[in-house]
Amino acid sequence: MPPLPVEAVLFDLDGTLIDHDTAAEEAVIASFLGPIDPPPLERDRVVRRWRELEAWAMDRYLAGELTFREQRRLRITRLADEFGLGAWSDEKADDWFAQYLTCYEAAWQTYHDVPPALAALTAEPRQLRLGVITNGDADQQRRKLQHVGLTSLLQHATISSEAGAAKPDAKIFRIACSELQLQPSQVIYVGDRLQTDAEAAVAAGLRGIWLDRSDAISVTSVPRIRTLIELAPLLTQLRAPSTTTGWLA
């Protein structure tokens, strides 16, 4: 039996469509180091540690060990302690994070390749359905989509805090397919993390593509692109008559 045609393309959000790293870097420098221009070494130390703490605390949140607010408090109280600012109360941590969020949200923007890539996917004759599967707090993730003007294009959103499961769990991918009323094999998933996004999507029955913006690895178990501009041509290539028996047929 021939494979079912692809009907939808779903994306990871942070690091794939929205430049989270740049926004977070600008926000933590402005909020933690203040208005003065810090030495490059100090700035790099703060940004690097902030990213590490974010990944660590978010993993604990996604595992159900912390609430969303608790993971925020943990990140800044640990950063403040490590950089010699002493023990911060929950109130002080919340006040600081409010300032951080103001800077972070103001810096939300898509990568430059997002608008043309999405336009190519929705143009004739493709007219693919588009959406996101993302880990995180639903309110914040939906506000990101609205802030950068993607809500109308990405009408389907499956978010871990609402789904009750987080990537790389197959459950969140299957929930998204069910809501689209599509078989997993009819859905492509694109994300910037090889294991958590692309390989996890394949394990759930979807067709995973890895967005390797850093051009880190040349050989992978899934198709790889270095920019979203390469996505539409890849779909065309894999749908060509000579490749109709491939994974994207």
Protein backbone atom coordinates (compact mmCIF):
# COMPACT_ATOMS: atom_id res chain seq x y z
CA MET A 1 0.00 0.00 0.00
CA PRO A 2 1.53 3.41 -0.96
CA PRO A 3 2.21 5.86 1.86
CA LEU A 4 -0.40 8.50 2.58
CA PRO A 5 0.38 11.99 1.26
CA VAL A 6 1.74 14.65 3.56
CA GLU A 7 -1.00 17.03 4.68
CA ALA A 8 0.62 19.09 7.45
CA VAL A 9 3.94 20.49 8.61
CA LEU A 10 4.39 21.19 12.32
CA PHE A 11 7.28 23.06 13.86
CA ASP A 12 9.09 23.42 17.13
CA LEU A 13 8.85 27.04 18.33
CA ASP A 14 11.92 28.25 20.26
CA GLY A 15 15.11 27.86 18.27
CA THR A 16 13.20 26.90 15.13
CA LEU A 17 10.76 29.73 14.41
CA ILE A 18 11.52 32.22 17.19
CA ASP A 19 15.04 33.28 18.14
CA HIS A 20 14.75 32.50 21.83
CA ASP A 21 18.50 32.51 22.51
CA THR A 22 19.06 36.08 21.33
CA ALA A 23 16.01 37.36 23.21
CA ALA A 24 17.09 35.60 26.41
CA GLU A 25 20.66 36.85 26.07
CA GLU A 26 19.56 40.47 25.63
CA ALA A 27 17.14 40.19 28.54
CA VAL A 28 19.53 38.65 31.07
CA ILE A 29 22.29 41.12 30.22
CA ALA A 30 19.94 44.08 30.63
CA SER A 31 18.26 42.75 33.78
CA PHE A 32 21.13 41.09 35.62
CA LEU A 33 24.13 43.18 34.62
CA GLY A 34 22.32 46.49 34.47
CA PRO A 35 22.58 49.51 32.16
CA ILE A 36 26.40 49.68 32.19
CA ASP A 37 28.31 47.94 29.42
CA PRO A 38 29.82 44.87 31.17
CA PRO A 39 33.19 43.40 30.25
CA PRO A 40 32.81 40.76 27.50
CA LEU A 41 34.12 37.96 29.75
CA GLU A 42 31.59 38.74 32.48
CA ARG A 43 28.78 39.04 29.96
CA ASP A 44 29.67 35.71 28.37
CA ARG A 45 29.86 33.99 31.78
CA VAL A 46 26.40 35.22 32.77
CA VAL A 47 24.80 34.29 29.44
CA ARG A 48 26.38 30.84 29.37
CA ARG A 49 25.33 30.06 32.93
CA TRP A 50 21.83 31.44 32.37
CA ARG A 51 21.37 29.07 29.43
CA GLU A 52 22.58 26.13 31.50
CA LEU A 53 20.25 26.98 34.36
CA GLU A 54 17.33 27.46 31.99
CA ALA A 55 17.81 24.01 30.46
CA TRP A 56 18.21 22.38 33.88
CA ALA A 57 15.20 24.09 35.47
CA MET A 58 12.98 23.59 32.43
CA ASP A 59 13.78 19.87 32.41
CA ARG A 60 12.62 19.70 36.02
CA TYR A 61 9.46 21.65 35.16
CA LEU A 62 8.66 19.36 32.23
CA ALA A 63 9.24 16.35 34.47
CA GLY A 64 6.63 17.70 36.89
CA GLU A 65 9.12 18.41 39.68
CA LEU A 66 8.56 22.19 39.65
CA THR A 67 5.78 24.58 38.71
CA PHE A 68 6.46 27.09 35.96
CA ARG A 69 6.95 29.86 38.52
CA GLU A 70 9.20 27.68 40.67
CA GLN A 71 11.53 26.95 37.77
CA ARG A 72 11.79 30.68 37.10
CA ARG A 73 12.65 31.39 40.73
CA LEU A 74 15.19 28.58 40.80
CA ARG A 75 17.04 29.92 37.76
CA ILE A 76 17.53 33.46 39.06
CA THR A 77 18.16 32.59 42.72
CA ARG A 78 20.86 30.12 41.65
CA LEU A 79 22.40 32.66 39.27
CA ALA A 80 22.39 35.39 41.92
CA ASP A 81 23.99 33.10 44.49
CA GLU A 82 26.70 31.89 42.11
CA PHE A 83 27.64 35.45 41.14
CA GLY A 84 27.93 36.63 44.72
CA LEU A 85 24.62 38.45 45.14
CA GLY A 86 23.50 36.39 48.10
CA ALA A 87 20.29 34.49 48.83
CA TRP A 88 17.24 36.01 47.17
CA SER A 89 13.72 35.69 48.53
CA ASP A 90 10.89 34.44 46.33
CA GLU A 91 9.52 37.99 46.23
CA LYS A 92 12.82 39.42 45.01
CA ALA A 93 13.14 36.64 42.44
CA ASP A 94 9.61 37.32 41.16
CA ASP A 95 10.28 41.06 40.91
CA TRP A 96 13.50 40.46 38.99
CA PHE A 97 11.85 37.99 36.64
CA ALA A 98 9.09 40.47 35.85
CA GLN A 99 11.78 42.91 34.70
CA TYR A 100 13.52 40.15 32.75
CA LEU A 101 10.28 39.16 31.00
CA THR A 102 9.66 42.74 29.89
CA CYS A 103 13.03 42.76 28.14
CA TYR A 104 12.67 39.18 26.88
CA GLU A 105 9.24 39.68 25.34
CA ALA A 106 10.27 42.95 23.68
CA ALA A 107 13.07 41.02 21.94
CA TRP A 108 10.88 38.21 20.53
CA GLN A 109 11.36 37.90 16.79
CA THR A 110 11.35 35.21 14.14
CA TYR A 111 14.44 34.10 12.30
CA HIS A 112 14.80 35.81 8.93
CA ASP A 113 14.05 32.58 7.05
CA VAL A 114 10.66 31.98 8.69
CA PRO A 115 8.30 34.22 6.63
CA PRO A 116 9.49 33.07 3.18
CA ALA A 117 9.59 29.42 4.28
CA LEU A 118 6.02 29.48 5.59
CA ALA A 119 4.81 31.34 2.51
CA ALA A 120 6.32 28.66 0.28
CA LEU A 121 4.59 25.89 2.23
CA THR A 122 1.15 27.46 2.02
CA ALA A 123 1.37 28.50 -1.64
CA GLU A 124 -0.21 26.56 -4.48
CA PRO A 125 -0.13 23.67 -5.09
CA ARG A 126 1.00 22.60 -1.60
CA GLN A 127 -1.45 24.44 0.68
CA LEU A 128 -0.15 22.46 3.62
CA ARG A 129 -1.65 22.90 7.07
CA LEU A 130 0.86 24.41 9.47
CA GLY A 131 1.22 24.44 13.25
CA VAL A 132 3.52 23.96 16.22
CA ILE A 133 4.32 21.38 18.86
CA THR A 134 6.20 23.07 21.67
CA ASN A 135 7.21 22.47 25.25
CA GLY A 136 6.47 25.19 27.78
CA ASP A 137 3.72 27.29 29.31
CA ALA A 138 0.75 27.60 26.95
CA ASP A 139 0.02 31.24 27.73
CA GLN A 140 3.59 32.33 27.05
CA GLN A 141 3.99 30.24 23.91
CA ARG A 142 0.74 31.53 22.43
CA ARG A 143 1.75 35.12 23.22
CA LYS A 144 4.99 34.52 21.32
CA LEU A 145 3.07 33.42 18.25
CA GLN A 146 0.81 36.45 18.48
CA HIS A 147 3.69 38.88 19.11
CA VAL A 148 5.59 37.82 15.98
CA GLY A 149 2.46 37.63 13.82
CA LEU A 150 2.34 33.88 13.25
CA THR A 151 -1.01 33.03 14.83
CA SER A 152 -2.97 33.20 11.58
CA LEU A 153 -0.47 31.03 9.69
CA LEU A 154 0.11 28.48 12.45
CA GLN A 155 -3.46 27.77 13.43
CA HIS A 156 -2.74 24.50 15.19
CA ALA A 157 -0.75 24.54 18.43
CA THR A 158 -0.05 21.61 20.74
CA ILE A 159 1.70 22.79 23.91
CA SER A 160 3.05 20.57 26.66
CA SER A 161 1.33 22.33 29.57
CA GLU A 162 -2.04 21.67 27.93
CA ALA A 163 -1.25 18.27 26.40
CA GLY A 164 -0.03 16.70 29.64
CA ALA A 165 3.10 15.43 27.89
CA ALA A 166 6.31 17.01 26.65
CA LYS A 167 8.73 16.25 23.85
CA PRO A 168 10.38 13.80 23.35
CA ASP A 169 7.40 11.79 24.65
CA ALA A 170 5.55 10.28 21.68
CA LYS A 171 2.25 11.17 23.32
CA ILE A 172 2.48 14.90 22.52
CA PHE A 173 3.18 14.18 18.84
CA ARG A 174 0.25 11.77 18.63
CA ILE A 175 -2.06 14.25 20.34
CA ALA A 176 -1.17 16.82 17.68
CA CYS A 177 -1.91 14.36 14.87
CA SER A 178 -5.19 13.36 16.46
CA GLU A 179 -6.28 17.00 16.75
CA LEU A 180 -5.47 17.44 13.07
CA GLN A 181 -7.40 14.24 12.30
CA LEU A 182 -4.37 12.93 10.40
CA GLN A 183 -2.28 9.80 10.59
CA PRO A 184 1.22 10.47 12.00
CA SER A 185 2.73 9.48 8.64
CA GLN A 186 0.85 12.39 7.04
CA VAL A 187 2.62 14.92 9.24
CA ILE A 188 6.13 16.36 8.99
CA TYR A 189 7.76 17.75 12.11
CA VAL A 190 10.67 20.21 11.96
CA GLY A 191 12.79 21.15 14.97
CA ASP A 192 16.25 22.35 15.91
CA ARG A 193 17.04 19.54 18.36
CA LEU A 194 17.99 16.27 16.74
CA GLN A 195 16.87 13.86 19.47
CA THR A 196 14.09 15.83 21.18
CA ASP A 197 12.48 17.02 17.95
CA ALA A 198 13.34 15.15 14.74
CA GLU A 199 14.20 11.69 16.05
CA ALA A 200 11.40 11.80 18.63
CA ALA A 201 8.93 12.68 15.89
CA VAL A 202 10.07 9.70 13.82
CA ALA A 203 9.73 7.44 16.86
CA ALA A 204 6.12 8.64 17.18
CA GLY A 205 5.40 7.80 13.53
CA LEU A 206 5.76 11.28 12.05
CA ARG A 207 8.30 12.31 9.41
CA GLY A 208 11.01 14.21 11.23
CA ILE A 209 13.35 16.82 9.78
CA TRP A 210 16.24 18.30 11.75
CA LEU A 211 16.90 22.02 11.42
CA ASP A 212 20.64 22.19 12.05
CA ARG A 213 21.23 25.95 12.09
CA SER A 214 24.79 25.46 13.40
CA ASP A 215 25.65 23.02 10.58
CA ALA A 216 27.07 20.71 13.24
CA ILE A 217 26.73 17.21 11.80
CA SER A 218 26.80 16.01 8.21
CA VAL A 219 25.27 12.53 8.62
CA THR A 220 22.07 11.85 10.60
CA SER A 221 19.29 9.30 10.76
CA VAL A 222 16.76 11.89 9.53
CA PRO A 223 16.74 14.48 6.73
CA ARG A 224 18.67 17.60 7.70
CA ILE A 225 18.33 21.22 6.62
CA ARG A 226 20.47 24.18 7.66
CA THR A 227 17.83 26.85 7.07
CA LEU A 228 14.07 26.78 6.70
CA ILE A 229 14.51 28.08 3.16
CA GLU A 230 15.65 24.54 2.29
CA LEU A 231 12.40 22.97 3.54
CA ALA A 232 10.10 23.54 0.55
CA PRO A 233 12.74 22.39 -1.99
CA LEU A 234 13.32 19.30 0.14
CA LEU A 235 9.63 18.45 0.02
CA THR A 236 9.63 18.91 -3.75
CA GLN A 237 12.72 16.74 -4.14
CA LEU A 238 11.37 13.94 -2.01
CA ARG A 239 7.99 14.03 -3.76
CA ALA A 240 9.54 13.80 -7.24
CA PRO A 241 8.62 10.70 -9.31
CA SER A 242 12.07 9.15 -8.83
CA THR A 243 11.65 9.28 -5.07
CA THR A 244 8.00 8.47 -4.60
CA THR A 245 8.89 5.37 -2.63
CA GLY A 246 10.84 7.42 -0.08
CA TRP A 247 9.72 8.50 3.36
CA LEU A 248 8.04 11.62 2.01
CA ALA A 249 6.16 9.98 -0.85
